[in-house]
């Protein structure tokens, strides 16, 4: 028997994200705001050269800049 999330074409991580969002939205206003803040993510990355990490950069901003650069 296949799991419902798999039959729907979702990955397990996507299924968990949807379930967490539904749970957060069901909370009362004060608790919901705190829970939504915990659900936000901020990814950073560093390029490594010669065994040393470079400056940490925000992944979303770097991706947006790279997409704009490649489009022009």
Protein backbone atom coordinates (compact mmCIF):
# COMPACT_ATOMS: atom_id res chain seq x y z
CA UNK A 1 0.00 0.00 0.00
CA UNK A 2 1.36 3.38 -1.03
CA UNK A 3 1.32 6.33 1.35
CA UNK A 4 -1.23 9.01 0.46
CA UNK A 5 1.42 11.71 0.12
CA UNK A 6 3.39 9.55 -2.31
CA UNK A 7 0.28 8.69 -4.34
CA UNK A 8 -0.47 12.43 -4.58
CA UNK A 9 2.97 13.00 -6.13
CA UNK A 10 4.46 14.81 -3.13
CA UNK A 11 7.86 14.31 -1.58
CA UNK A 12 7.91 13.53 2.12
CA UNK A 13 9.47 16.92 2.90
CA UNK A 14 6.76 18.73 0.93
CA UNK A 15 4.08 16.68 2.71
CA UNK A 16 5.55 17.67 6.09
CA UNK A 17 5.67 21.34 5.08
CA UNK A 18 1.99 21.29 4.09
CA UNK A 19 0.99 19.50 7.30
CA UNK A 20 3.00 21.95 9.43
CA UNK A 21 1.46 24.94 7.66
CA UNK A 22 -2.04 23.54 8.22
CA UNK A 23 -1.28 22.96 11.91
CA UNK A 24 0.09 26.50 12.33
CA UNK A 25 -2.96 28.03 10.63
CA UNK A 26 -5.30 26.20 13.01
CA UNK A 27 -3.82 27.89 16.10
CA UNK A 28 -5.24 30.95 17.83
CA UNK A 29 -3.79 34.29 16.71
CA UNK A 30 -1.12 34.79 19.41
CA UNK A 31 0.19 31.22 19.20
CA UNK A 32 -0.09 31.20 15.40
CA UNK A 33 2.20 34.21 14.99
CA UNK A 34 4.90 32.60 17.14
CA UNK A 35 4.58 29.29 15.30
CA UNK A 36 4.76 30.94 11.87
CA UNK A 37 8.02 32.65 12.82
CA UNK A 38 9.50 29.26 13.71
CA UNK A 39 8.47 27.97 10.28
CA UNK A 40 10.54 30.53 8.37
CA UNK A 41 13.95 29.53 7.10
CA UNK A 42 16.98 31.54 6.13
CA UNK A 43 19.64 29.59 4.26
CA UNK A 44 23.19 30.80 3.89
CA UNK A 45 26.13 29.33 2.03
CA UNK A 46 29.87 29.88 1.73
CA UNK A 47 32.18 29.13 -1.16
CA UNK A 48 35.29 27.25 -0.08
CA UNK A 49 38.66 27.96 -1.71
CA UNK A 50 42.01 26.54 -0.64
CA UNK A 51 40.46 24.97 2.46
CA UNK A 52 38.97 28.23 3.76
CA UNK A 53 35.34 29.30 3.81
CA UNK A 54 34.44 32.52 2.07
CA UNK A 55 31.92 35.07 3.23
CA UNK A 56 28.50 33.63 4.18
CA UNK A 57 25.82 34.78 1.73
CA UNK A 58 22.03 34.57 1.79
CA UNK A 59 21.03 31.80 -0.63
CA UNK A 60 17.82 33.46 -1.86
CA UNK A 61 19.51 36.80 -2.61
CA UNK A 62 22.47 35.12 -4.31
CA UNK A 63 20.15 32.96 -6.42
CA UNK A 64 18.08 35.99 -7.48
CA UNK A 65 21.25 37.89 -8.43
CA UNK A 66 22.61 34.93 -10.41
CA UNK A 67 19.31 34.51 -12.29
CA UNK A 68 19.24 38.23 -13.18
CA UNK A 69 22.87 38.08 -14.31
CA UNK A 70 22.30 35.04 -16.53
CA UNK A 71 19.16 36.59 -18.06
CA UNK A 72 21.07 39.64 -19.31
